[in-house]
Amino acid sequence: MRGDRLHSVPVKPAKRRRILEHVVETSFSPDKEYDEKTVNRVLSQWCEGGEVDHVTIRRYLIDARLLTRESGTYRVAS
């Protein structure tokens, strides 16, 4: 990560999780719901000019249980 952009994602799980936590903490509000289009737009901004795409980051966030997805609605996991 350089500044506010993801250029790659760490392979080591602990480092990856810290990066993903930072993305969630700085981009999403815990008391708000987001549609997929909004999540994609936010994550695309993080991925501009990097080697990783927003779909991969979204999947990592779901897999790490940092975001939840239900019926097309995303929320910060509690």
N, C-alpha and C. Protein backbone atom coordinates (compact mmCIF):
# COMPACT_ATOMS: atom_id res chain seq x y z
N MET A 1 0.85 -1.17 0.00
CA MET A 1 0.00 0.00 0.00
C MET A 1 0.89 1.23 0.00
N ARG A 2 0.56 2.16 -0.87
CA ARG A 2 1.27 3.43 -0.91
C ARG A 2 0.23 4.54 -0.77
N GLY A 3 0.33 5.28 0.32
CA GLY A 3 -0.64 6.34 0.56
C GLY A 3 -2.03 5.76 0.74
N ASP A 4 -2.92 6.15 -0.13
CA ASP A 4 -4.30 5.65 -0.05
C ASP A 4 -4.63 4.74 -1.22
N ARG A 5 -3.64 4.03 -1.73
CA ARG A 5 -3.83 3.11 -2.84
C ARG A 5 -3.22 1.74 -2.52
N LEU A 6 -3.92 0.71 -2.96
CA LEU A 6 -3.40 -0.65 -2.82
C LEU A 6 -2.70 -1.01 -4.13
N HIS A 7 -1.43 -1.31 -4.05
CA HIS A 7 -0.70 -1.70 -5.26
C HIS A 7 -0.58 -3.20 -5.35
N SER A 8 -0.66 -3.85 -4.22
CA SER A 8 -0.68 -5.31 -4.16
C SER A 8 -1.25 -5.69 -2.79
N VAL A 9 -1.49 -6.97 -2.61
CA VAL A 9 -2.03 -7.46 -1.34
C VAL A 9 -1.00 -8.40 -0.75
N PRO A 10 -0.64 -8.20 0.52
CA PRO A 10 0.35 -9.08 1.14
C PRO A 10 -0.10 -10.55 1.13
N VAL A 11 0.85 -11.43 0.98
CA VAL A 11 0.56 -12.86 1.00
C VAL A 11 0.35 -13.35 2.44
N LYS A 12 1.12 -12.81 3.36
CA LYS A 12 0.99 -13.23 4.76
C LYS A 12 -0.36 -12.79 5.32
N PRO A 13 -1.12 -13.72 5.88
CA PRO A 13 -2.48 -13.41 6.36
C PRO A 13 -2.56 -12.26 7.36
N ALA A 14 -1.63 -12.18 8.30
CA ALA A 14 -1.69 -11.12 9.32
C ALA A 14 -1.51 -9.74 8.69
N LYS A 15 -0.57 -9.61 7.77
CA LYS A 15 -0.36 -8.34 7.09
C LYS A 15 -1.55 -7.98 6.20
N ARG A 16 -2.07 -9.00 5.49
CA ARG A 16 -3.23 -8.76 4.64
C ARG A 16 -4.41 -8.27 5.47
N ARG A 17 -4.63 -8.90 6.60
CA ARG A 17 -5.76 -8.51 7.45
C ARG A 17 -5.62 -7.07 7.93
N ARG A 18 -4.42 -6.66 8.32
CA ARG A 18 -4.22 -5.27 8.77
C ARG A 18 -4.56 -4.28 7.65
N ILE A 19 -4.15 -4.60 6.45
CA ILE A 19 -4.46 -3.73 5.30
C ILE A 19 -5.96 -3.68 5.07
N LEU A 20 -6.61 -4.84 5.08
CA LEU A 20 -8.05 -4.90 4.86
C LEU A 20 -8.82 -4.17 5.96
N GLU A 21 -8.37 -4.31 7.19
CA GLU A 21 -9.00 -3.58 8.30
C GLU A 21 -8.90 -2.08 8.08
N HIS A 22 -7.75 -1.63 7.62
CA HIS A 22 -7.55 -0.21 7.34
C HIS A 22 -8.52 0.27 6.25
N VAL A 23 -8.67 -0.52 5.21
CA VAL A 23 -9.59 -0.16 4.12
C VAL A 23 -11.01 -0.02 4.66
N VAL A 24 -11.45 -0.97 5.46
CA VAL A 24 -12.81 -0.93 6.01
C VAL A 24 -12.97 0.27 6.95
N GLU A 25 -12.01 0.46 7.85
CA GLU A 25 -12.12 1.53 8.85
C GLU A 25 -12.15 2.92 8.21
N THR A 26 -11.45 3.08 7.11
CA THR A 26 -11.37 4.41 6.50
C THR A 26 -12.40 4.62 5.39
N SER A 27 -13.10 3.57 4.99
CA SER A 27 -13.99 3.68 3.83
C SER A 27 -15.46 3.42 4.10
N PHE A 28 -15.76 2.71 5.18
CA PHE A 28 -17.14 2.29 5.43
C PHE A 28 -17.54 2.62 6.87
N SER A 29 -18.79 3.02 7.02
CA SER A 29 -19.33 3.34 8.34
C SER A 29 -20.03 2.10 8.90
N PRO A 30 -19.77 1.76 10.16
CA PRO A 30 -20.36 0.55 10.75
C PRO A 30 -21.88 0.59 10.87
N ASP A 31 -22.47 1.77 10.84
CA ASP A 31 -23.92 1.87 11.03
C ASP A 31 -24.68 2.12 9.73
N LYS A 32 -24.05 1.81 8.61
CA LYS A 32 -24.64 2.09 7.31
C LYS A 32 -24.67 0.82 6.45
N GLU A 33 -25.66 0.73 5.55
CA GLU A 33 -25.73 -0.35 4.59
C GLU A 33 -25.27 0.18 3.23
N TYR A 34 -24.66 -0.70 2.45
CA TYR A 34 -24.13 -0.32 1.14
C TYR A 34 -24.61 -1.31 0.09
N ASP A 35 -24.95 -0.80 -1.09
CA ASP A 35 -25.25 -1.72 -2.18
C ASP A 35 -23.93 -2.09 -2.87
N GLU A 36 -23.98 -3.10 -3.72
CA GLU A 36 -22.75 -3.60 -4.34
C GLU A 36 -22.10 -2.55 -5.23
N LYS A 37 -22.90 -1.75 -5.90
CA LYS A 37 -22.35 -0.71 -6.77
C LYS A 37 -21.50 0.28 -5.96
N THR A 38 -21.98 0.65 -4.80
CA THR A 38 -21.25 1.59 -3.94
C THR A 38 -19.96 0.96 -3.41
N VAL A 39 -20.05 -0.29 -2.96
CA VAL A 39 -18.86 -1.00 -2.47
C VAL A 39 -17.82 -1.08 -3.59
N ASN A 40 -18.25 -1.43 -4.79
CA ASN A 40 -17.33 -1.52 -5.92
C ASN A 40 -16.67 -0.17 -6.22
N ARG A 41 -17.45 0.89 -6.18
CA ARG A 41 -16.91 2.22 -6.45
C ARG A 41 -15.85 2.60 -5.42
N VAL A 42 -16.16 2.37 -4.15
CA VAL A 42 -15.22 2.70 -3.07
C VAL A 42 -13.93 1.89 -3.21
N LEU A 43 -14.08 0.59 -3.42
CA LEU A 43 -12.90 -0.27 -3.52
C LEU A 43 -12.10 0.00 -4.79
N SER A 44 -12.77 0.39 -5.87
CA SER A 44 -12.06 0.73 -7.11
C SER A 44 -11.10 1.89 -6.89
N GLN A 45 -11.49 2.84 -6.05
CA GLN A 45 -10.62 3.97 -5.76
C GLN A 45 -9.34 3.50 -5.07
N TRP A 46 -9.45 2.50 -4.22
CA TRP A 46 -8.27 1.95 -3.54
C TRP A 46 -7.35 1.23 -4.52
N CYS A 47 -7.91 0.71 -5.59
CA CYS A 47 -7.15 -0.17 -6.50
C CYS A 47 -6.60 0.54 -7.73
N GLU A 48 -6.90 1.81 -7.92
CA GLU A 48 -6.44 2.53 -9.10
C GLU A 48 -4.93 2.46 -9.22
N GLY A 49 -4.46 2.03 -10.37
CA GLY A 49 -3.03 1.99 -10.65
C GLY A 49 -2.28 0.85 -10.00
N GLY A 50 -2.98 -0.06 -9.38
CA GLY A 50 -2.32 -1.18 -8.71
C GLY A 50 -2.48 -2.48 -9.46
N GLU A 51 -1.97 -3.52 -8.86
CA GLU A 51 -2.01 -4.85 -9.46
C GLU A 51 -3.20 -5.67 -8.99
N VAL A 52 -4.02 -5.12 -8.14
CA VAL A 52 -5.15 -5.83 -7.56
C VAL A 52 -6.44 -5.12 -7.98
N ASP A 53 -7.51 -5.89 -8.15
CA ASP A 53 -8.77 -5.27 -8.56
C ASP A 53 -9.78 -5.25 -7.40
N HIS A 54 -10.81 -4.44 -7.57
CA HIS A 54 -11.79 -4.24 -6.51
C HIS A 54 -12.58 -5.51 -6.19
N VAL A 55 -12.78 -6.37 -7.17
CA VAL A 55 -13.52 -7.62 -6.95
C VAL A 55 -12.73 -8.53 -6.01
N THR A 56 -11.43 -8.60 -6.20
CA THR A 56 -10.57 -9.41 -5.33
C THR A 56 -10.60 -8.87 -3.90
N ILE A 57 -10.49 -7.56 -3.76
CA ILE A 57 -10.51 -6.95 -2.43
C ILE A 57 -11.86 -7.18 -1.77
N ARG A 58 -12.94 -7.05 -2.52
CA ARG A 58 -14.28 -7.29 -1.96
C ARG A 58 -14.38 -8.72 -1.45
N ARG A 59 -13.88 -9.68 -2.22
CA ARG A 59 -13.91 -11.08 -1.80
C ARG A 59 -13.07 -11.29 -0.54
N TYR A 60 -11.89 -10.70 -0.50
CA TYR A 60 -11.05 -10.80 0.71
C TYR A 60 -11.78 -10.23 1.93
N LEU A 61 -12.46 -9.11 1.76
CA LEU A 61 -13.17 -8.50 2.89
C LEU A 61 -14.30 -9.40 3.40
N ILE A 62 -15.00 -10.05 2.49
CA ILE A 62 -16.06 -10.98 2.87
C ILE A 62 -15.44 -12.21 3.52
N ASP A 63 -14.42 -12.78 2.90
CA ASP A 63 -13.77 -13.98 3.44
C ASP A 63 -13.18 -13.74 4.82
N ALA A 64 -12.66 -12.52 5.05
CA ALA A 64 -12.07 -12.18 6.35
C ALA A 64 -13.14 -11.78 7.36
N ARG A 65 -14.38 -11.77 6.92
CA ARG A 65 -15.52 -11.39 7.76
C ARG A 65 -15.42 -9.97 8.30
N LEU A 66 -14.84 -9.11 7.46
CA LEU A 66 -14.78 -7.68 7.79
C LEU A 66 -16.00 -6.96 7.24
N LEU A 67 -16.53 -7.48 6.13
CA LEU A 67 -17.81 -7.03 5.59
C LEU A 67 -18.73 -8.24 5.51
N THR A 68 -20.02 -7.99 5.67
CA THR A 68 -21.00 -9.05 5.48
C THR A 68 -21.83 -8.71 4.25
N ARG A 69 -22.36 -9.75 3.63
CA ARG A 69 -23.20 -9.56 2.45
C ARG A 69 -24.45 -10.40 2.62
N GLU A 70 -25.59 -9.76 2.48
CA GLU A 70 -26.86 -10.47 2.58
C GLU A 70 -27.84 -9.83 1.60
N SER A 71 -28.33 -10.62 0.67
CA SER A 71 -29.30 -10.14 -0.33
C SER A 71 -28.81 -8.89 -1.06
N GLY A 72 -27.54 -8.87 -1.40
CA GLY A 72 -26.98 -7.75 -2.15
C GLY A 72 -26.67 -6.52 -1.33
N THR A 73 -26.82 -6.62 -0.02
CA THR A 73 -26.53 -5.50 0.87
C THR A 73 -25.29 -5.81 1.70
N TYR A 74 -24.39 -4.85 1.76
CA TYR A 74 -23.14 -5.02 2.50
C TYR A 74 -23.16 -4.15 3.74
N ARG A 75 -22.55 -4.68 4.80
CA ARG A 75 -22.39 -3.96 6.07
C ARG A 75 -21.03 -4.28 6.66
N VAL A 76 -20.52 -3.38 7.47
CA VAL A 76 -19.31 -3.67 8.24
C VAL A 76 -19.70 -4.73 9.27
N ALA A 77 -18.90 -5.77 9.35
CA ALA A 77 -19.18 -6.85 10.30
C ALA A 77 -18.98 -6.34 11.72
N SER A 78 -19.83 -6.84 12.62
CA SER A 78 -19.70 -6.40 14.01
C SER A 78 -18.96 -7.42 14.83
